[in-house]
């Protein structure tokens, strides 16, 4: 978005007001103001929020030593920085072509999700002692419960995906851990087009960080299933398609407007360490086999 285009949009807002189209003018005006701010204010990379000042005198905390709610709060603060940074045009572009270079903010958000999931997988399997692994698993399940209360579906699903990884799910876990995963699995069940999750998201109060995978799927289906124009000459835009796209994007935009008000905790941020390093798939599985060899 450049200055010339923004000036043209301002003219459109003025004409809408003159034509008494106040609702449309208001929506477009908010968008123009936000784009103008993005154009003139330097953007801070959300990756910088993962960093913390080194403290050689600070004792490194471990995951089970920290309060579950405090961990969930810090995860939500970091998630929102990445989520808020996502540009609407990137989501439309992603539905047409999944190009990471053309969609940097969306790619950054996805990478953060993968890093959180990879970090949790590593935490779940890095201990050779069964009791230590159980402590970590129970801690992460408690964190998930708090994330659900905070309507942070992003890290909620990132942790769940860690439990569902082949290297983790093949291990033996206590009944308490398995029972604790029942509710998350029911919520994120993809049956009936994520009906349970859609209902939870509709009822969620702000602030809220949705799981974007479902929205990207919706946008892709809308793009592939509806032509951009209603005539072969491509003179008449398919407004039904655009309205359906707008409906999806507006849900995301509303979630981006309300931030979490938790205070940043450098001790926990330091413990996260940018959610790196973490074990790769092959390393995870080899460690899993050491804990529980294959049955031949």
Protein backbone atom coordinates (compact mmCIF):
# COMPACT_ATOMS: atom_id res chain seq x y z
CA UNK A 1 0.00 0.00 0.00
CA UNK A 2 1.55 3.32 -1.11
CA UNK A 3 0.64 6.97 -0.51
CA UNK A 4 -1.09 7.35 -3.88
CA UNK A 5 -3.42 4.43 -3.21
CA UNK A 6 -4.17 5.69 0.31
CA UNK A 7 -5.12 9.11 -1.07
CA UNK A 8 -7.49 7.42 -3.51
CA UNK A 9 -9.06 5.48 -0.64
CA UNK A 10 -9.55 8.73 1.30
CA UNK A 11 -11.46 10.10 -1.70
CA UNK A 12 -13.64 6.98 -1.72
CA UNK A 13 -14.42 7.49 1.98
CA UNK A 14 -15.42 11.10 1.27
CA UNK A 15 -17.76 10.03 -1.55
CA UNK A 16 -19.35 7.34 0.62
CA UNK A 17 -20.07 9.95 3.31
CA UNK A 18 -21.60 12.26 0.72
CA UNK A 19 -23.80 9.39 -0.45
CA UNK A 20 -24.89 8.70 3.15
CA UNK A 21 -23.16 5.29 3.13
CA UNK A 22 -21.93 5.91 6.66
CA UNK A 23 -21.40 2.29 7.70
CA UNK A 24 -19.23 1.48 4.69
CA UNK A 25 -17.39 4.76 5.11
CA UNK A 26 -16.65 3.95 8.75
CA UNK A 27 -15.26 0.50 7.93
CA UNK A 28 -13.07 1.82 5.13
CA UNK A 29 -11.93 4.80 7.23
CA UNK A 30 -10.65 2.50 10.00
CA UNK A 31 -8.75 0.48 7.45
CA UNK A 32 -7.21 3.58 5.85
CA UNK A 33 -6.09 4.93 9.25
CA UNK A 34 -4.43 1.61 10.11
CA UNK A 35 -2.68 1.42 6.74
CA UNK A 36 -1.49 5.01 7.14
CA UNK A 37 0.00 4.17 10.54
CA UNK A 38 1.72 1.11 9.11
CA UNK A 39 3.17 3.23 6.33
CA UNK A 40 4.60 5.94 8.60
CA UNK A 41 5.41 4.10 11.84
CA UNK A 42 8.40 1.74 11.90
CA UNK A 43 7.31 -1.83 12.49
CA UNK A 44 9.01 -3.84 15.20
CA UNK A 45 9.63 -7.46 14.29
CA UNK A 46 7.71 -9.73 16.69
CA UNK A 47 10.81 -11.93 16.85
CA UNK A 48 12.43 -9.23 18.99
CA UNK A 49 9.86 -9.90 21.72
CA UNK A 50 11.24 -13.43 22.08
CA UNK A 51 14.56 -12.01 23.16
CA UNK A 52 15.49 -11.02 26.69
CA UNK A 53 18.50 -9.39 28.27
CA UNK A 54 21.04 -11.95 29.45
CA UNK A 55 21.46 -12.12 33.20
CA UNK A 56 24.53 -14.15 34.24
CA UNK A 57 23.38 -14.08 37.87
CA UNK A 58 19.88 -15.37 37.13
CA UNK A 59 19.19 -18.99 37.97
CA UNK A 60 17.71 -20.82 35.00
CA UNK A 61 14.18 -21.93 35.77
CA UNK A 62 12.75 -25.20 34.49
CA UNK A 63 9.27 -25.70 33.08
CA UNK A 64 7.81 -27.71 36.03
CA UNK A 65 9.09 -25.09 38.51
CA UNK A 66 6.93 -22.29 37.12
CA UNK A 67 3.23 -21.64 37.62
CA UNK A 68 1.13 -22.95 34.75
CA UNK A 69 -0.96 -19.79 34.47
CA UNK A 70 2.12 -17.58 34.29
CA UNK A 71 3.54 -19.72 31.47
CA UNK A 72 0.25 -19.44 29.57
CA UNK A 73 0.22 -15.65 30.05
CA UNK A 74 3.70 -15.25 28.57
CA UNK A 75 2.88 -17.57 25.67
CA UNK A 76 -0.19 -15.47 24.94
CA UNK A 77 1.77 -12.20 25.03
CA UNK A 78 4.31 -13.55 22.55
CA UNK A 79 1.69 -15.17 20.31
CA UNK A 80 -0.24 -11.92 20.04
CA UNK A 81 2.81 -9.99 18.83
CA UNK A 82 3.08 -12.35 15.87
CA UNK A 83 -0.68 -12.53 15.32
CA UNK A 84 -1.20 -8.76 15.41
CA UNK A 85 1.51 -8.33 12.80
CA UNK A 86 -0.27 -10.37 10.11
CA UNK A 87 -1.41 -8.33 7.11
CA UNK A 88 -4.84 -9.05 5.61
CA UNK A 89 -3.60 -9.07 1.97
CA UNK A 90 -1.19 -11.86 2.87
CA UNK A 91 -4.03 -14.13 3.92
CA UNK A 92 -5.81 -13.57 0.62
CA UNK A 93 -2.56 -14.13 -1.26
CA UNK A 94 -1.89 -17.33 0.70
CA UNK A 95 -5.24 -18.76 -0.42
CA UNK A 96 -4.13 -18.25 -4.03
CA UNK A 97 -0.46 -19.19 -3.72
CA UNK A 98 1.28 -20.54 -0.63
CA UNK A 99 4.47 -18.57 -1.15
CA UNK A 100 6.47 -17.89 2.02
CA UNK A 101 8.49 -15.06 0.47
CA UNK A 102 5.35 -13.17 -0.53
CA UNK A 103 3.71 -13.68 2.87
CA UNK A 104 6.39 -12.81 5.46
CA UNK A 105 4.16 -11.94 8.46
CA UNK A 106 1.96 -15.00 7.99
CA UNK A 107 5.03 -17.18 7.53
CA UNK A 108 6.56 -15.72 10.69
CA UNK A 109 3.39 -16.56 12.65
CA UNK A 110 3.40 -20.11 11.30
CA UNK A 111 7.08 -20.56 12.13
CA UNK A 112 6.41 -19.38 15.68
CA UNK A 113 3.65 -21.99 16.00
CA UNK A 114 6.02 -24.70 14.76
CA UNK A 115 8.76 -23.55 17.14
CA UNK A 116 6.42 -23.69 20.14
CA UNK A 117 5.27 -27.17 19.13
CA UNK A 118 8.84 -28.37 18.54
CA UNK A 119 9.98 -26.93 21.88
CA UNK A 120 7.13 -28.72 23.70
CA UNK A 121 7.91 -32.02 21.96
CA UNK A 122 11.51 -31.72 23.10
CA UNK A 123 10.49 -30.91 26.68
CA UNK A 124 8.19 -33.96 26.72
CA UNK A 125 10.92 -36.37 25.70
CA UNK A 126 14.25 -34.92 26.86
CA UNK A 127 14.10 -36.58 30.29
CA UNK A 128 15.02 -40.24 30.52
CA UNK A 129 13.20 -40.64 33.83
CA UNK A 130 9.51 -41.56 33.52
CA UNK A 131 8.45 -39.44 36.50
CA UNK A 132 10.19 -36.37 35.10
CA UNK A 133 8.44 -36.81 31.74
CA UNK A 134 5.11 -37.15 33.54
CA UNK A 135 5.74 -33.91 35.44
CA UNK A 136 6.40 -32.06 32.20
CA UNK A 137 3.34 -33.60 30.50
CA UNK A 138 1.03 -32.70 33.37
CA UNK A 139 2.47 -29.19 33.48
CA UNK A 140 1.81 -28.64 29.76
CA UNK A 141 -1.75 -29.93 30.11
CA UNK A 142 -2.33 -27.42 32.91
CA UNK A 143 -0.86 -24.69 30.68
CA UNK A 144 -3.31 -25.72 27.95
CA UNK A 145 -6.25 -25.32 30.34
CA UNK A 146 -5.17 -21.76 31.10
CA UNK A 147 -4.64 -21.03 27.40
CA UNK A 148 -8.19 -22.20 26.76
CA UNK A 149 -9.47 -19.83 29.47
CA UNK A 150 -7.50 -17.03 27.79
CA UNK A 151 -8.92 -17.99 24.37
CA UNK A 152 -5.43 -18.51 23.00
CA UNK A 153 -6.22 -21.31 20.56
CA UNK A 154 -2.87 -20.91 18.82
CA UNK A 155 -0.50 -22.13 21.55
CA UNK A 156 -3.29 -24.40 22.78
CA UNK A 157 -3.12 -26.32 19.52
CA UNK A 158 0.68 -26.02 19.29
CA UNK A 159 1.00 -27.92 22.59
CA UNK A 160 -1.64 -30.45 21.55
CA UNK A 161 0.22 -31.10 18.29
CA UNK A 162 3.33 -31.83 20.37
CA UNK A 163 1.47 -34.57 22.27
CA UNK A 164 0.16 -35.94 18.95
CA UNK A 165 3.63 -36.24 17.39
CA UNK A 166 4.49 -39.86 16.57
CA UNK A 167 7.58 -39.87 18.79
CA UNK A 168 5.52 -38.69 21.77
CA UNK A 169 2.18 -40.44 21.32
CA UNK A 170 3.82 -43.89 21.04
CA UNK A 171 5.18 -43.59 24.57
CA UNK A 172 3.28 -44.81 27.62
CA UNK A 173 1.59 -42.05 29.61
CA UNK A 174 -0.43 -42.12 32.78
CA UNK A 175 -4.23 -42.19 32.73
CA UNK A 176 -4.17 -38.66 34.14
CA UNK A 177 -2.24 -37.36 31.13
CA UNK A 178 -4.39 -39.23 28.60
CA UNK A 179 -7.58 -38.01 30.28
CA UNK A 180 -6.26 -34.45 30.22
CA UNK A 181 -5.95 -34.62 26.43
CA UNK A 182 -9.55 -35.72 25.81
CA UNK A 183 -11.06 -32.24 25.92
CA UNK A 184 -8.47 -30.61 23.62
CA UNK A 185 -8.87 -33.42 21.09
CA UNK A 186 -12.66 -33.03 21.15
CA UNK A 187 -12.38 -29.27 20.65
CA UNK A 188 -10.00 -29.42 17.70
CA UNK A 189 -11.70 -32.40 16.04
CA UNK A 190 -11.93 -31.65 12.31
CA UNK A 191 -15.23 -33.50 11.94
CA UNK A 192 -18.08 -31.46 10.50
CA UNK A 193 -15.64 -28.76 9.42
CA UNK A 194 -14.28 -28.05 12.93
CA UNK A 195 -17.79 -27.59 14.33
CA UNK A 196 -16.72 -27.69 18.01
CA UNK A 197 -13.87 -25.24 17.46
CA UNK A 198 -16.03 -22.86 15.40
CA UNK A 199 -18.61 -22.83 18.20
CA UNK A 200 -15.94 -22.14 20.84
CA UNK A 201 -14.45 -19.37 18.72
CA UNK A 202 -17.85 -17.78 18.19
CA UNK A 203 -18.48 -17.74 21.95
CA UNK A 204 -14.98 -16.54 22.85
CA UNK A 205 -14.56 -13.10 24.36
CA UNK A 206 -11.66 -10.81 23.53
CA UNK A 207 -8.74 -10.99 23.69
CA UNK A 208 -8.56 -14.06 21.52
CA UNK A 209 -5.93 -15.64 19.27
CA UNK A 210 -7.53 -18.08 16.83
CA UNK A 211 -5.93 -21.05 15.17
CA UNK A 212 -5.45 -19.67 11.66
CA UNK A 213 -5.25 -23.01 9.87
CA UNK A 214 -9.03 -23.27 9.72
CA UNK A 215 -9.43 -19.72 8.38
CA UNK A 216 -6.77 -20.26 5.72
CA UNK A 217 -8.62 -23.43 4.71
CA UNK A 218 -11.87 -21.46 4.45
CA UNK A 219 -10.24 -18.76 2.34
CA UNK A 220 -8.70 -21.37 0.06
CA UNK A 221 -12.05 -23.10 -0.49
CA UNK A 222 -13.74 -19.75 -1.19
CA UNK A 223 -11.04 -18.85 -3.71
CA UNK A 224 -11.07 -22.20 -5.52
CA UNK A 225 -14.82 -22.67 -5.47
CA UNK A 226 -15.87 -19.22 -6.70
CA UNK A 227 -14.78 -17.31 -9.83
CA UNK A 228 -13.43 -13.79 -9.38
CA UNK A 229 -15.86 -12.43 -11.99
CA UNK A 230 -19.43 -13.29 -12.93
CA UNK A 231 -18.90 -12.82 -16.67
CA UNK A 232 -16.40 -14.10 -19.22
CA UNK A 233 -15.30 -10.56 -20.10
CA UNK A 234 -14.23 -10.06 -16.49
CA UNK A 235 -16.01 -6.74 -16.19
CA UNK A 236 -18.24 -7.57 -13.25
CA UNK A 237 -16.67 -8.60 -9.96
CA UNK A 238 -18.17 -11.52 -8.08
CA UNK A 239 -19.25 -9.60 -4.97
CA UNK A 240 -20.63 -12.74 -3.35
CA UNK A 241 -17.09 -14.19 -3.30
CA UNK A 242 -15.63 -10.92 -1.97
CA UNK A 243 -18.25 -10.74 0.77
CA UNK A 244 -17.49 -14.29 1.88
CA UNK A 245 -13.78 -13.45 1.98
CA UNK A 246 -14.51 -10.29 3.95
CA UNK A 247 -16.58 -12.25 6.48
CA UNK A 248 -13.62 -14.53 7.25
CA UNK A 249 -11.07 -11.71 7.35
CA UNK A 250 -13.26 -9.52 9.56
CA UNK A 251 -13.30 -12.21 12.25
CA UNK A 252 -9.52 -12.21 12.27
CA UNK A 253 -9.30 -8.40 12.23
CA UNK A 254 -11.54 -8.15 15.29
CA UNK A 255 -9.28 -10.53 17.18
CA UNK A 256 -6.25 -8.44 16.26
CA UNK A 257 -7.72 -5.32 17.90
CA UNK A 258 -7.59 -6.41 21.56
CA UNK A 259 -4.27 -7.20 23.25
CA UNK A 260 -3.59 -9.16 26.40
CA UNK A 261 -2.70 -6.96 29.37
CA UNK A 262 -0.40 -9.36 31.18
CA UNK A 263 2.96 -8.07 32.36
CA UNK A 264 6.03 -9.45 30.65
CA UNK A 265 8.01 -11.87 32.83
CA UNK A 266 11.68 -11.96 31.83
CA UNK A 267 12.30 -15.10 33.88
CA UNK A 268 9.79 -17.10 31.85
CA UNK A 269 10.80 -15.48 28.55
CA UNK A 270 14.39 -16.48 29.34
CA UNK A 271 13.22 -20.03 30.02
CA UNK A 272 11.49 -20.13 26.61
CA UNK A 273 14.78 -19.08 24.96
CA UNK A 274 12.95 -18.19 21.77
CA UNK A 275 11.48 -21.73 21.79
CA UNK A 276 14.80 -22.94 20.46
CA UNK A 277 16.69 -25.16 20.08
CA UNK A 278 14.50 -28.22 19.74
CA UNK A 279 15.01 -31.73 18.44
CA UNK A 280 14.19 -32.56 14.82
CA UNK A 281 11.81 -35.35 13.85
CA UNK A 282 14.56 -37.97 13.43
CA UNK A 283 16.23 -37.02 16.71
CA UNK A 284 12.88 -37.16 18.51
CA UNK A 285 12.07 -40.60 17.19
CA UNK A 286 15.50 -42.03 17.99
CA UNK A 287 15.15 -40.75 21.57
CA UNK A 288 11.64 -42.20 21.70
CA UNK A 289 13.01 -45.60 20.67
CA UNK A 290 15.58 -45.47 23.45
CA UNK A 291 12.81 -44.87 25.97
CA UNK A 292 10.50 -47.49 24.46
CA UNK A 293 12.12 -49.91 21.96
CA UNK A 294 10.04 -51.36 19.16
CA UNK A 295 8.17 -54.60 19.78
CA UNK A 296 9.27 -57.23 17.25
